[in-house]
Amino acid sequence: MKDARPSIRTESSATVTGAPIVSPFGFPAKLDTVCAEVLRRLLSGERLTSLDAVGEASTTRLAAYVFYLEDGYGWRIERTEKAAGCKDGRVAYVSEYFLPPTVIAHADERGAA
């Protein structure tokens, strides 16, 4: 290996500005979005499934908005598996998303209403 280059790096692998820090309980800037609607329903104490979101929040991508609220705005959204009966007699399990009452109370203190 006569032509091997030295593996000394002179630049840092970290960015200069770093990753953004997400503060908990952030709110969407626009109030007329699906993201804001999902958050409003969760803050009102509703438990949402993907089927609920189709009729009430006009989206088929509830899990994506839940992820976006958690990752982008710092919300701690709980989920549980819920059994749902199918027409052919099978039982399917769907995720049901909700905010714990303590999180809702803390959000109300910070101006969620």
C-alpha atoms as a PDB file:
ATOM      1  CA  MET A   1       0.000   0.000   0.000  1.00  0.00           C
ATOM      2  CA  LYS A   2       2.470   2.599  -1.194  1.00  0.00           C
ATOM      3  CA  ASP A   3      -0.222   5.052  -2.322  1.00  0.00           C
ATOM      4  CA  ALA A   4      -2.300   4.995   0.862  1.00  0.00           C
ATOM      5  CA  ARG A   5      -3.291   8.465   1.978  1.00  0.00           C
ATOM      6  CA  PRO A   6      -3.039   9.423   5.628  1.00  0.00           C
ATOM      7  CA  SER A   7      -6.394   9.372   7.414  1.00  0.00           C
ATOM      8  CA  ILE A   8      -5.898  12.586   9.374  1.00  0.00           C
ATOM      9  CA  ARG A   9      -8.948  14.827   9.325  1.00  0.00           C
ATOM     10  CA  THR A  10      -8.567  18.523   9.886  1.00  0.00           C
ATOM     11  CA  GLU A  11     -12.233  19.522   9.930  1.00  0.00           C
ATOM     12  CA  SER A  12     -14.817  18.650  12.548  1.00  0.00           C
ATOM     13  CA  SER A  13     -17.725  16.369  11.730  1.00  0.00           C
ATOM     14  CA  ALA A  14     -20.098  18.446  13.890  1.00  0.00           C
ATOM     15  CA  THR A  15     -21.905  21.398  12.390  1.00  0.00           C
ATOM     16  CA  VAL A  16     -21.096  24.888  13.576  1.00  0.00           C
ATOM     17  CA  THR A  17     -24.628  25.759  14.676  1.00  0.00           C
ATOM     18  CA  GLY A  18     -25.613  22.349  16.016  1.00  0.00           C
ATOM     19  CA  ALA A  19     -29.004  20.704  16.035  1.00  0.00           C
ATOM     20  CA  PRO A  20     -32.030  22.784  16.974  1.00  0.00           C
ATOM     21  CA  ILE A  21     -33.324  22.264  20.488  1.00  0.00           C
ATOM     22  CA  VAL A  22     -37.030  21.531  20.640  1.00  0.00           C
ATOM     23  CA  SER A  23     -38.723  23.095  23.625  1.00  0.00           C
ATOM     24  CA  PRO A  24     -41.696  21.179  24.988  1.00  0.00           C
ATOM     25  CA  PHE A  25     -45.225  22.390  24.317  1.00  0.00           C
ATOM     26  CA  GLY A  26     -44.566  24.281  21.109  1.00  0.00           C
ATOM     27  CA  PHE A  27     -47.593  25.361  19.100  1.00  0.00           C
ATOM     28  CA  PRO A  28     -48.014  25.468  15.309  1.00  0.00           C
ATOM     29  CA  ALA A  29     -47.786  29.008  13.954  1.00  0.00           C
ATOM     30  CA  LYS A  30     -50.795  28.570  11.660  1.00  0.00           C
ATOM     31  CA  LEU A  31     -54.101  27.671  13.273  1.00  0.00           C
ATOM     32  CA  ASP A  32     -55.897  26.442  10.148  1.00  0.00           C
ATOM     33  CA  THR A  33     -53.697  23.391   9.479  1.00  0.00           C
ATOM     34  CA  VAL A  34     -54.272  19.688  10.050  1.00  0.00           C
ATOM     35  CA  CYS A  35     -51.397  19.685  12.544  1.00  0.00           C
ATOM     36  CA  ALA A  36     -53.060  22.405  14.611  1.00  0.00           C
ATOM     37  CA  GLU A  37     -56.423  20.620  14.382  1.00  0.00           C
ATOM     38  CA  VAL A  38     -54.949  17.336  15.642  1.00  0.00           C
ATOM     39  CA  LEU A  39     -53.237  19.149  18.518  1.00  0.00           C
ATOM     40  CA  ARG A  40     -56.443  21.029  19.386  1.00  0.00           C
ATOM     41  CA  ARG A  41     -58.406  17.797  19.554  1.00  0.00           C
ATOM     42  CA  LEU A  42     -55.750  16.097  21.686  1.00  0.00           C
ATOM     43  CA  LEU A  43     -55.641  19.101  24.037  1.00  0.00           C
ATOM     44  CA  SER A  44     -59.413  18.928  24.435  1.00  0.00           C
ATOM     45  CA  GLY A  45     -58.996  15.403  25.808  1.00  0.00           C
ATOM     46  CA  GLU A  46     -60.054  13.446  22.733  1.00  0.00           C
ATOM     47  CA  ARG A  47     -58.580  10.048  21.973  1.00  0.00           C
ATOM     48  CA  LEU A  48     -57.934   9.813  18.222  1.00  0.00           C
ATOM     49  CA  THR A  49     -57.584   6.821  15.918  1.00  0.00           C
ATOM     50  CA  SER A  50     -56.786   7.036  12.232  1.00  0.00           C
ATOM     51  CA  LEU A  51     -60.461   6.477  11.377  1.00  0.00           C
ATOM     52  CA  ASP A  52     -61.469   9.354  13.689  1.00  0.00           C
ATOM     53  CA  ALA A  53     -58.925  11.595  11.995  1.00  0.00           C
ATOM     54  CA  VAL A  54     -60.414  10.943   8.549  1.00  0.00           C
ATOM     55  CA  GLY A  55     -63.803  12.292   9.567  1.00  0.00           C
ATOM     56  CA  GLU A  56     -62.841  14.901  12.146  1.00  0.00           C
ATOM     57  CA  ALA A  57     -59.458  16.259  11.051  1.00  0.00           C
ATOM     58  CA  SER A  58     -59.642  15.469   7.305  1.00  0.00           C
ATOM     59  CA  THR A  59     -56.437  13.447   7.168  1.00  0.00           C
ATOM     60  CA  THR A  60     -55.481   9.849   6.565  1.00  0.00           C
ATOM     61  CA  ARG A  61     -52.013  10.418   8.017  1.00  0.00           C
ATOM     62  CA  LEU A  62     -52.658  10.797  11.738  1.00  0.00           C
ATOM     63  CA  ALA A  63     -49.500   8.903  12.721  1.00  0.00           C
ATOM     64  CA  ALA A  64     -47.394  11.316  10.651  1.00  0.00           C
ATOM     65  CA  TYR A  65     -48.907  14.346  12.394  1.00  0.00           C
ATOM     66  CA  VAL A  66     -48.444  12.727  15.801  1.00  0.00           C
ATOM     67  CA  PHE A  67     -44.776  12.157  14.963  1.00  0.00           C
ATOM     68  CA  TYR A  68     -44.475  15.747  13.733  1.00  0.00           C
ATOM     69  CA  LEU A  69     -46.011  17.105  16.960  1.00  0.00           C
ATOM     70  CA  GLU A  70     -43.654  14.963  19.047  1.00  0.00           C
ATOM     71  CA  ASP A  71     -40.498  15.572  17.038  1.00  0.00           C
ATOM     72  CA  GLY A  72     -41.016  19.154  15.901  1.00  0.00           C
ATOM     73  CA  TYR A  73     -42.950  20.651  18.806  1.00  0.00           C
ATOM     74  CA  GLY A  74     -41.929  18.547  21.804  1.00  0.00           C
ATOM     75  CA  TRP A  75     -45.320  17.056  22.730  1.00  0.00           C
ATOM     76  CA  ARG A  76     -45.390  13.743  24.614  1.00  0.00           C
ATOM     77  CA  ILE A  77     -48.338  11.988  22.986  1.00  0.00           C
ATOM     78  CA  GLU A  78     -49.308   8.642  24.461  1.00  0.00           C
ATOM     79  CA  ARG A  79     -50.607   5.730  22.404  1.00  0.00           C
ATOM     80  CA  THR A  80     -52.352   2.493  23.121  1.00  0.00           C
ATOM     81  CA  GLU A  81     -53.551  -0.397  20.992  1.00  0.00           C
ATOM     82  CA  LYS A  82     -57.308  -0.619  20.554  1.00  0.00           C
ATOM     83  CA  ALA A  83     -59.211  -3.616  19.180  1.00  0.00           C
ATOM     84  CA  ALA A  84     -61.505  -2.859  16.258  1.00  0.00           C
ATOM     85  CA  GLY A  85     -63.859  -5.383  14.696  1.00  0.00           C
ATOM     86  CA  CYS A  86     -63.805  -5.965  10.943  1.00  0.00           C
ATOM     87  CA  LYS A  87     -66.817  -6.783   8.770  1.00  0.00           C
ATOM     88  CA  ASP A  88     -65.557 -10.307   8.139  1.00  0.00           C
ATOM     89  CA  GLY A  89     -65.268 -11.097  11.855  1.00  0.00           C
ATOM     90  CA  ARG A  90     -61.552 -10.513  12.285  1.00  0.00           C
ATOM     91  CA  VAL A  91     -60.187  -8.255  14.983  1.00  0.00           C
ATOM     92  CA  ALA A  92     -57.702  -5.581  13.939  1.00  0.00           C
ATOM     93  CA  TYR A  93     -55.648  -3.501  16.340  1.00  0.00           C
ATOM     94  CA  VAL A  94     -55.255   0.221  15.717  1.00  0.00           C
ATOM     95  CA  SER A  95     -53.310   2.882  17.572  1.00  0.00           C
ATOM     96  CA  GLU A  96     -55.254   5.336  19.689  1.00  0.00           C
ATOM     97  CA  TYR A  97     -53.427   8.595  20.466  1.00  0.00           C
ATOM     98  CA  PHE A  98     -54.085  10.842  23.467  1.00  0.00           C
ATOM     99  CA  LEU A  99     -52.492  13.349  25.804  1.00  0.00           C
ATOM    100  CA  PRO A 100     -52.321  12.503  29.518  1.00  0.00           C
ATOM    101  CA  PRO A 101     -54.366  14.837  31.770  1.00  0.00           C
ATOM    102  CA  THR A 102     -51.182  16.153  33.415  1.00  0.00           C
ATOM    103  CA  VAL A 103     -49.800  17.233  30.037  1.00  0.00           C
ATOM    104  CA  ILE A 104     -53.102  18.912  29.135  1.00  0.00           C
ATOM    105  CA  ALA A 105     -53.135  20.783  32.468  1.00  0.00           C
ATOM    106  CA  HIS A 106     -49.537  21.903  32.020  1.00  0.00           C
ATOM    107  CA  ALA A 107     -50.266  23.043  28.451  1.00  0.00           C
ATOM    108  CA  ASP A 108     -53.285  25.044  29.666  1.00  0.00           C
ATOM    109  CA  GLU A 109     -51.007  26.822  32.149  1.00  0.00           C
ATOM    110  CA  ARG A 110     -48.735  27.778  29.240  1.00  0.00           C
ATOM    111  CA  GLY A 111     -51.561  29.254  27.170  1.00  0.00           C
ATOM    112  CA  ALA A 112     -52.849  26.320  25.120  1.00  0.00           C
ATOM    113  CA  ALA A 113     -56.433  27.499  25.435  1.00  0.00           C
END
